[in-house]
Amino acid sequence: MHFYPPEAVARGIEGETILILRYAADGRLLDARIARSSGHAILDQAALRAVRATPRIADGPREVLFPVTFALH
């Protein structure tokens, strides 16, 4: 994943952050918050950065739970 923090990779940190995303009627991302932390601030912040970098993943006004998984293979 492009947004996987190099420090987390080097330390072998994995986890899943679940975000709450809120979209406007035109598909704009209005808000992104952490619904459930991965337990690692570095991964939580990377998840927020990733979703803000691709803000149009929904059409119409809505609120969705969006899991972001960080896994090393």
PDB file of N, CA and C in Angstrom:
ATOM      1  N   MET A   1       0.851  -1.186   0.000  1.00  0.00           N
ATOM      2  CA  MET A   1       0.000   0.000   0.000  1.00  0.00           C
ATOM      3  C   MET A   1       0.882   1.229   0.000  1.00  0.00           C
ATOM      4  N   HIS A   2       0.570   2.151  -0.845  1.00  0.00           N
ATOM      5  CA  HIS A   2       1.337   3.386  -0.985  1.00  0.00           C
ATOM      6  C   HIS A   2       1.369   4.206   0.303  1.00  0.00           C
ATOM      7  N   PHE A   3       0.327   4.103   1.121  1.00  0.00           N
ATOM      8  CA  PHE A   3       0.235   4.918   2.328  1.00  0.00           C
ATOM      9  C   PHE A   3       0.736   4.202   3.585  1.00  0.00           C
ATOM     10  N   TYR A   4       1.282   3.005   3.418  1.00  0.00           N
ATOM     11  CA  TYR A   4       1.810   2.261   4.578  1.00  0.00           C
ATOM     12  C   TYR A   4       3.053   2.996   5.058  1.00  0.00           C
ATOM     13  N   PRO A   5       3.045   3.503   6.267  1.00  0.00           N
ATOM     14  CA  PRO A   5       4.194   4.276   6.747  1.00  0.00           C
ATOM     15  C   PRO A   5       5.470   3.422   6.792  1.00  0.00           C
ATOM     16  N   PRO A   6       6.547   3.911   6.217  1.00  0.00           N
ATOM     17  CA  PRO A   6       7.805   3.156   6.221  1.00  0.00           C
ATOM     18  C   PRO A   6       8.252   2.750   7.627  1.00  0.00           C
ATOM     19  N   GLU A   7       8.023   3.612   8.610  1.00  0.00           N
ATOM     20  CA  GLU A   7       8.396   3.283   9.993  1.00  0.00           C
ATOM     21  C   GLU A   7       7.609   2.077  10.493  1.00  0.00           C
ATOM     22  N   ALA A   8       6.327   2.012  10.140  1.00  0.00           N
ATOM     23  CA  ALA A   8       5.491   0.873  10.548  1.00  0.00           C
ATOM     24  C   ALA A   8       5.956  -0.402   9.860  1.00  0.00           C
ATOM     25  N   VAL A   9       6.332  -0.303   8.600  1.00  0.00           N
ATOM     26  CA  VAL A   9       6.863  -1.462   7.868  1.00  0.00           C
ATOM     27  C   VAL A   9       8.138  -1.950   8.545  1.00  0.00           C
ATOM     28  N   ALA A  10       9.038  -1.027   8.836  1.00  0.00           N
ATOM     29  CA  ALA A  10      10.314  -1.385   9.459  1.00  0.00           C
ATOM     30  C   ALA A  10      10.118  -2.046  10.820  1.00  0.00           C
ATOM     31  N   ARG A  11       9.078  -1.643  11.535  1.00  0.00           N
ATOM     32  CA  ARG A  11       8.815  -2.202  12.870  1.00  0.00           C
ATOM     33  C   ARG A  11       7.865  -3.391  12.831  1.00  0.00           C
ATOM     34  N   GLY A  12       7.378  -3.740  11.637  1.00  0.00           N
ATOM     35  CA  GLY A  12       6.483  -4.889  11.501  1.00  0.00           C
ATOM     36  C   GLY A  12       5.096  -4.663  12.078  1.00  0.00           C
ATOM     37  N   ILE A  13       4.650  -3.407  12.096  1.00  0.00           N
ATOM     38  CA  ILE A  13       3.349  -3.072  12.673  1.00  0.00           C
ATOM     39  C   ILE A  13       2.242  -3.324  11.648  1.00  0.00           C
ATOM     40  N   GLU A  14       1.219  -4.060  12.068  1.00  0.00           N
ATOM     41  CA  GLU A  14       0.047  -4.332  11.247  1.00  0.00           C
ATOM     42  C   GLU A  14      -1.204  -3.971  12.047  1.00  0.00           C
ATOM     43  N   GLY A  15      -2.323  -3.815  11.346  1.00  0.00           N
ATOM     44  CA  GLY A  15      -3.574  -3.556  12.039  1.00  0.00           C
ATOM     45  C   GLY A  15      -4.642  -3.087  11.086  1.00  0.00           C
ATOM     46  N   GLU A  16      -5.819  -2.872  11.640  1.00  0.00           N
ATOM     47  CA  GLU A  16      -6.946  -2.381  10.839  1.00  0.00           C
ATOM     48  C   GLU A  16      -7.582  -1.203  11.551  1.00  0.00           C
ATOM     49  N   THR A  17      -7.724  -0.115  10.815  1.00  0.00           N
ATOM     50  CA  THR A  17      -8.409   1.079  11.304  1.00  0.00           C
ATOM     51  C   THR A  17      -9.759   1.137  10.605  1.00  0.00           C
ATOM     52  N   ILE A  18     -10.815   1.384  11.348  1.00  0.00           N
ATOM     53  CA  ILE A  18     -12.124   1.559  10.731  1.00  0.00           C
ATOM     54  C   ILE A  18     -12.492   3.029  10.841  1.00  0.00           C
ATOM     55  N   LEU A  19     -12.772   3.614   9.688  1.00  0.00           N
ATOM     56  CA  LEU A  19     -13.109   5.026   9.610  1.00  0.00           C
ATOM     57  C   LEU A  19     -14.600   5.202   9.390  1.00  0.00           C
ATOM     58  N   ILE A  20     -15.128   6.329   9.841  1.00  0.00           N
ATOM     59  CA  ILE A  20     -16.470   6.772   9.487  1.00  0.00           C
ATOM     60  C   ILE A  20     -16.274   7.910   8.497  1.00  0.00           C
ATOM     61  N   LEU A  21     -16.816   7.723   7.286  1.00  0.00           N
ATOM     62  CA  LEU A  21     -16.697   8.733   6.246  1.00  0.00           C
ATOM     63  C   LEU A  21     -18.069   9.334   5.983  1.00  0.00           C
ATOM     64  N   ARG A  22     -18.102  10.648   5.878  1.00  0.00           N
ATOM     65  CA  ARG A  22     -19.367  11.343   5.604  1.00  0.00           C
ATOM     66  C   ARG A  22     -19.201  12.134   4.314  1.00  0.00           C
ATOM     67  N   TYR A  23     -20.129  11.892   3.372  1.00  0.00           N
ATOM     68  CA  TYR A  23     -20.073  12.497   2.047  1.00  0.00           C
ATOM     69  C   TYR A  23     -21.235  13.442   1.808  1.00  0.00           C
ATOM     70  N   ALA A  24     -20.988  14.475   0.999  1.00  0.00           N
ATOM     71  CA  ALA A  24     -22.023  15.409   0.563  1.00  0.00           C
ATOM     72  C   ALA A  24     -22.768  14.807  -0.625  1.00  0.00           C
ATOM     73  N   ALA A  25     -23.837  15.462  -1.035  1.00  0.00           N
ATOM     74  CA  ALA A  25     -24.633  14.991  -2.164  1.00  0.00           C
ATOM     75  C   ALA A  25     -23.824  14.915  -3.455  1.00  0.00           C
ATOM     76  N   ASP A  26     -22.824  15.788  -3.606  1.00  0.00           N
ATOM     77  CA  ASP A  26     -22.010  15.784  -4.818  1.00  0.00           C
ATOM     78  C   ASP A  26     -20.825  14.804  -4.741  1.00  0.00           C
ATOM     79  N   GLY A  27     -20.750  14.006  -3.674  1.00  0.00           N
ATOM     80  CA  GLY A  27     -19.687  13.018  -3.527  1.00  0.00           C
ATOM     81  C   GLY A  27     -18.444  13.515  -2.809  1.00  0.00           C
ATOM     82  N   ARG A  28     -18.425  14.791  -2.454  1.00  0.00           N
ATOM     83  CA  ARG A  28     -17.279  15.342  -1.711  1.00  0.00           C
ATOM     84  C   ARG A  28     -17.187  14.739  -0.328  1.00  0.00           C
ATOM     85  N   LEU A  29     -15.976  14.430   0.093  1.00  0.00           N
ATOM     86  CA  LEU A  29     -15.756  13.946   1.452  1.00  0.00           C
ATOM     87  C   LEU A  29     -15.878  15.136   2.407  1.00  0.00           C
ATOM     88  N   LEU A  30     -16.835  15.053   3.319  1.00  0.00           N
ATOM     89  CA  LEU A  30     -17.042  16.124   4.287  1.00  0.00           C
ATOM     90  C   LEU A  30     -16.244  15.903   5.563  1.00  0.00           C
ATOM     91  N   ASP A  31     -16.152  14.638   5.976  1.00  0.00           N
ATOM     92  CA  ASP A  31     -15.524  14.346   7.252  1.00  0.00           C
ATOM     93  C   ASP A  31     -15.022  12.910   7.267  1.00  0.00           C
ATOM     94  N   ALA A  32     -13.900  12.695   7.901  1.00  0.00           N
ATOM     95  CA  ALA A  32     -13.357  11.355   8.112  1.00  0.00           C
ATOM     96  C   ALA A  32     -12.890  11.277   9.556  1.00  0.00           C
ATOM     97  N   ARG A  33     -13.422  10.278  10.280  1.00  0.00           N
ATOM     98  CA  ARG A  33     -13.065  10.099  11.691  1.00  0.00           C
ATOM     99  C   ARG A  33     -12.753   8.635  11.941  1.00  0.00           C
ATOM    100  N   ILE A  34     -12.022   8.390  12.998  1.00  0.00           N
ATOM    101  CA  ILE A  34     -11.705   7.021  13.399  1.00  0.00           C
ATOM    102  C   ILE A  34     -12.852   6.473  14.229  1.00  0.00           C
ATOM    103  N   ALA A  35     -13.451   5.379  13.745  1.00  0.00           N
ATOM    104  CA  ALA A  35     -14.508   4.695  14.492  1.00  0.00           C
ATOM    105  C   ALA A  35     -13.892   3.665  15.428  1.00  0.00           C
ATOM    106  N   ARG A  36     -12.853   2.971  14.931  1.00  0.00           N
ATOM    107  CA  ARG A  36     -12.123   2.008  15.768  1.00  0.00           C
ATOM    108  C   ARG A  36     -10.655   2.063  15.383  1.00  0.00           C
ATOM    109  N   SER A  37      -9.823   2.303  16.357  1.00  0.00           N
ATOM    110  CA  SER A  37      -8.386   2.423  16.153  1.00  0.00           C
ATOM    111  C   SER A  37      -7.744   1.062  15.907  1.00  0.00           C
ATOM    112  N   SER A  38      -6.664   1.093  15.172  1.00  0.00           N
ATOM    113  CA  SER A  38      -5.850  -0.107  14.961  1.00  0.00           C
ATOM    114  C   SER A  38      -5.043  -0.426  16.218  1.00  0.00           C
ATOM    115  N   GLY A  39      -4.972   0.548  17.124  1.00  0.00           N
ATOM    116  CA  GLY A  39      -4.123   0.417  18.300  1.00  0.00           C
ATOM    117  C   GLY A  39      -2.752   1.041  18.086  1.00  0.00           C
ATOM    118  N   HIS A  40      -2.561   1.586  16.871  1.00  0.00           N
ATOM    119  CA  HIS A  40      -1.287   2.221  16.515  1.00  0.00           C
ATOM    120  C   HIS A  40      -1.591   3.560  15.851  1.00  0.00           C
ATOM    121  N   ALA A  41      -1.229   4.638  16.507  1.00  0.00           N
ATOM    122  CA  ALA A  41      -1.507   5.981  15.983  1.00  0.00           C
ATOM    123  C   ALA A  41      -0.933   6.175  14.594  1.00  0.00           C
ATOM    124  N   ILE A  42       0.230   5.606  14.331  1.00  0.00           N
ATOM    125  CA  ILE A  42       0.871   5.769  13.028  1.00  0.00           C
ATOM    126  C   ILE A  42       0.010   5.177  11.910  1.00  0.00           C
ATOM    127  N   LEU A  43      -0.661   4.052  12.159  1.00  0.00           N
ATOM    128  CA  LEU A  43      -1.539   3.442  11.159  1.00  0.00           C
ATOM    129  C   LEU A  43      -2.849   4.221  11.043  1.00  0.00           C
ATOM    130  N   ASP A  44      -3.386   4.671  12.164  1.00  0.00           N
ATOM    131  CA  ASP A  44      -4.629   5.441  12.144  1.00  0.00           C
ATOM    132  C   ASP A  44      -4.459   6.720  11.318  1.00  0.00           C
ATOM    133  N   GLN A  45      -3.363   7.412  11.517  1.00  0.00           N
ATOM    134  CA  GLN A  45      -3.127   8.651  10.766  1.00  0.00           C
ATOM    135  C   GLN A  45      -2.895   8.362   9.283  1.00  0.00           C
ATOM    136  N   ALA A  46      -2.227   7.259   8.965  1.00  0.00           N
ATOM    137  CA  ALA A  46      -2.015   6.881   7.569  1.00  0.00           C
ATOM    138  C   ALA A  46      -3.339   6.551   6.893  1.00  0.00           C
ATOM    139  N   ALA A  47      -4.255   5.915   7.599  1.00  0.00           N
ATOM    140  CA  ALA A  47      -5.578   5.599   7.052  1.00  0.00           C
ATOM    141  C   ALA A  47      -6.334   6.885   6.721  1.00  0.00           C
ATOM    142  N   LEU A  48      -6.286   7.856   7.615  1.00  0.00           N
ATOM    143  CA  LEU A  48      -6.948   9.135   7.362  1.00  0.00           C
ATOM    144  C   LEU A  48      -6.326   9.846   6.167  1.00  0.00           C
ATOM    145  N   ARG A  49      -5.002   9.837   6.061  1.00  0.00           N
ATOM    146  CA  ARG A  49      -4.337  10.458   4.910  1.00  0.00           C
ATOM    147  C   ARG A  49      -4.745   9.777   3.607  1.00  0.00           C
ATOM    148  N   ALA A  50      -4.813   8.452   3.625  1.00  0.00           N
ATOM    149  CA  ALA A  50      -5.145   7.695   2.411  1.00  0.00           C
ATOM    150  C   ALA A  50      -6.543   8.033   1.921  1.00  0.00           C
ATOM    151  N   VAL A  51      -7.503   8.062   2.812  1.00  0.00           N
ATOM    152  CA  VAL A  51      -8.880   8.321   2.386  1.00  0.00           C
ATOM    153  C   VAL A  51      -9.054   9.774   1.951  1.00  0.00           C
ATOM    154  N   ARG A  52      -8.334  10.676   2.533  1.00  0.00           N
ATOM    155  CA  ARG A  52      -8.428  12.086   2.129  1.00  0.00           C
ATOM    156  C   ARG A  52      -7.766  12.314   0.776  1.00  0.00           C
ATOM    157  N   ALA A  53      -6.822  11.466   0.404  1.00  0.00           N
ATOM    158  CA  ALA A  53      -6.148  11.583  -0.890  1.00  0.00           C
ATOM    159  C   ALA A  53      -7.034  11.084  -2.029  1.00  0.00           C
ATOM    160  N   THR A  54      -8.049  10.281  -1.718  1.00  0.00           N
ATOM    161  CA  THR A  54      -8.989   9.776  -2.723  1.00  0.00           C
ATOM    162  C   THR A  54     -10.407  10.065  -2.224  1.00  0.00           C
ATOM    163  N   PRO A  55     -10.807  11.344  -2.219  1.00  0.00           N
ATOM    164  CA  PRO A  55     -12.021  11.748  -1.525  1.00  0.00           C
ATOM    165  C   PRO A  55     -13.348  11.403  -2.200  1.00  0.00           C
ATOM    166  N   ARG A  56     -13.367  10.949  -3.435  1.00  0.00           N
ATOM    167  CA  ARG A  56     -14.651  10.689  -4.117  1.00  0.00           C
ATOM    168  C   ARG A  56     -14.859   9.201  -4.342  1.00  0.00           C
ATOM    169  N   ILE A  57     -15.281   8.524  -3.283  1.00  0.00           N
ATOM    170  CA  ILE A  57     -15.567   7.094  -3.433  1.00  0.00           C
ATOM    171  C   ILE A  57     -17.042   6.791  -3.195  1.00  0.00           C
ATOM    172  N   ALA A  58     -17.863   7.833  -3.073  1.00  0.00           N
ATOM    173  CA  ALA A  58     -19.304   7.633  -2.864  1.00  0.00           C
ATOM    174  C   ALA A  58     -20.074   8.663  -3.680  1.00  0.00           C
ATOM    175  N   ASP A  59     -21.234   8.270  -4.152  1.00  0.00           N
ATOM    176  CA  ASP A  59     -22.148   9.191  -4.832  1.00  0.00           C
ATOM    177  C   ASP A  59     -23.347   9.437  -3.933  1.00  0.00           C
ATOM    178  N   GLY A  60     -23.720  10.688  -3.817  1.00  0.00           N
ATOM    179  CA  GLY A  60     -24.869  11.037  -2.992  1.00  0.00           C
ATOM    180  C   GLY A  60     -24.494  11.193  -1.537  1.00  0.00           C
ATOM    181  N   PRO A  61     -25.351  11.832  -0.778  1.00  0.00           N
ATOM    182  CA  PRO A  61     -25.056  12.018   0.650  1.00  0.00           C
ATOM    183  C   PRO A  61     -25.142  10.686   1.374  1.00  0.00           C
ATOM    184  N   ARG A  62     -24.132  10.415   2.169  1.00  0.00           N
ATOM    185  CA  ARG A  62     -24.139   9.164   2.934  1.00  0.00           C
ATOM    186  C   ARG A  62     -23.045   9.191   3.977  1.00  0.00           C
ATOM    187  N   GLU A  63     -23.170   8.244   4.886  1.00  0.00           N
ATOM    188  CA  GLU A  63     -22.151   8.015   5.907  1.00  0.00           C
ATOM    189  C   GLU A  63     -21.838   6.528   5.866  1.00  0.00           C
ATOM    190  N   VAL A  64     -20.564   6.186   5.774  1.00  0.00           N
ATOM    191  CA  VAL A  64     -20.176   4.783   5.646  1.00  0.00           C
ATOM    192  C   VAL A  64     -19.037   4.447   6.596  1.00  0.00           C
ATOM    193  N   LEU A  65     -18.998   3.181   6.996  1.00  0.00           N
ATOM    194  CA  LEU A  65     -17.842   2.657   7.720  1.00  0.00           C
ATOM    195  C   LEU A  65     -16.875   2.142   6.665  1.00  0.00           C
ATOM    196  N   PHE A  66     -15.604   2.476   6.802  1.00  0.00           N
ATOM    197  CA  PHE A  66     -14.612   2.138   5.793  1.00  0.00           C
ATOM    198  C   PHE A  66     -13.392   1.524   6.479  1.00  0.00           C
ATOM    199  N   PRO A  67     -13.199   0.214   6.349  1.00  0.00           N
ATOM    200  CA  PRO A  67     -12.025  -0.415   6.969  1.00  0.00           C
ATOM    201  C   PRO A  67     -10.771  -0.195   6.119  1.00  0.00           C
ATOM    202  N   VAL A  68      -9.671   0.096   6.775  1.00  0.00           N
ATOM    203  CA  VAL A  68      -8.371   0.220   6.121  1.00  0.00           C
ATOM    204  C   VAL A  68      -7.440  -0.774   6.824  1.00  0.00           C
ATOM    205  N   THR A  69      -7.008  -1.784   6.070  1.00  0.00           N
ATOM    206  CA  THR A  69      -6.180  -2.842   6.636  1.00  0.00           C
ATOM    207  C   THR A  69      -4.727  -2.651   6.234  1.00  0.00           C
ATOM    208  N   PHE A  70      -3.857  -2.725   7.206  1.00  0.00           N
ATOM    209  CA  PHE A  70      -2.418  -2.653   6.985  1.00  0.00           C
ATOM    210  C   PHE A  70      -1.849  -4.029   7.312  1.00  0.00           C
ATOM    211  N   ALA A  71      -1.386  -4.729   6.283  1.00  0.00           N
ATOM    212  CA  ALA A  71      -0.854  -6.079   6.479  1.00  0.00           C
ATOM    213  C   ALA A  71       0.436  -6.242   5.679  1.00  0.00           C
ATOM    214  N   LEU A  72       1.419  -6.824   6.307  1.00  0.00           N
ATOM    215  CA  LEU A  72       2.686  -7.130   5.650  1.00  0.00           C
ATOM    216  C   LEU A  72       2.663  -8.569   5.185  1.00  0.00           C
ATOM    217  N   HIS A  73       3.053  -8.800   3.970  1.00  0.00           N
ATOM    218  CA  HIS A  73       3.064 -10.178   3.441  1.00  0.00           C
ATOM    219  C   HIS A  73       4.439 -10.556   3.011  1.00  0.00           C
TER     220      HIS A  73
END
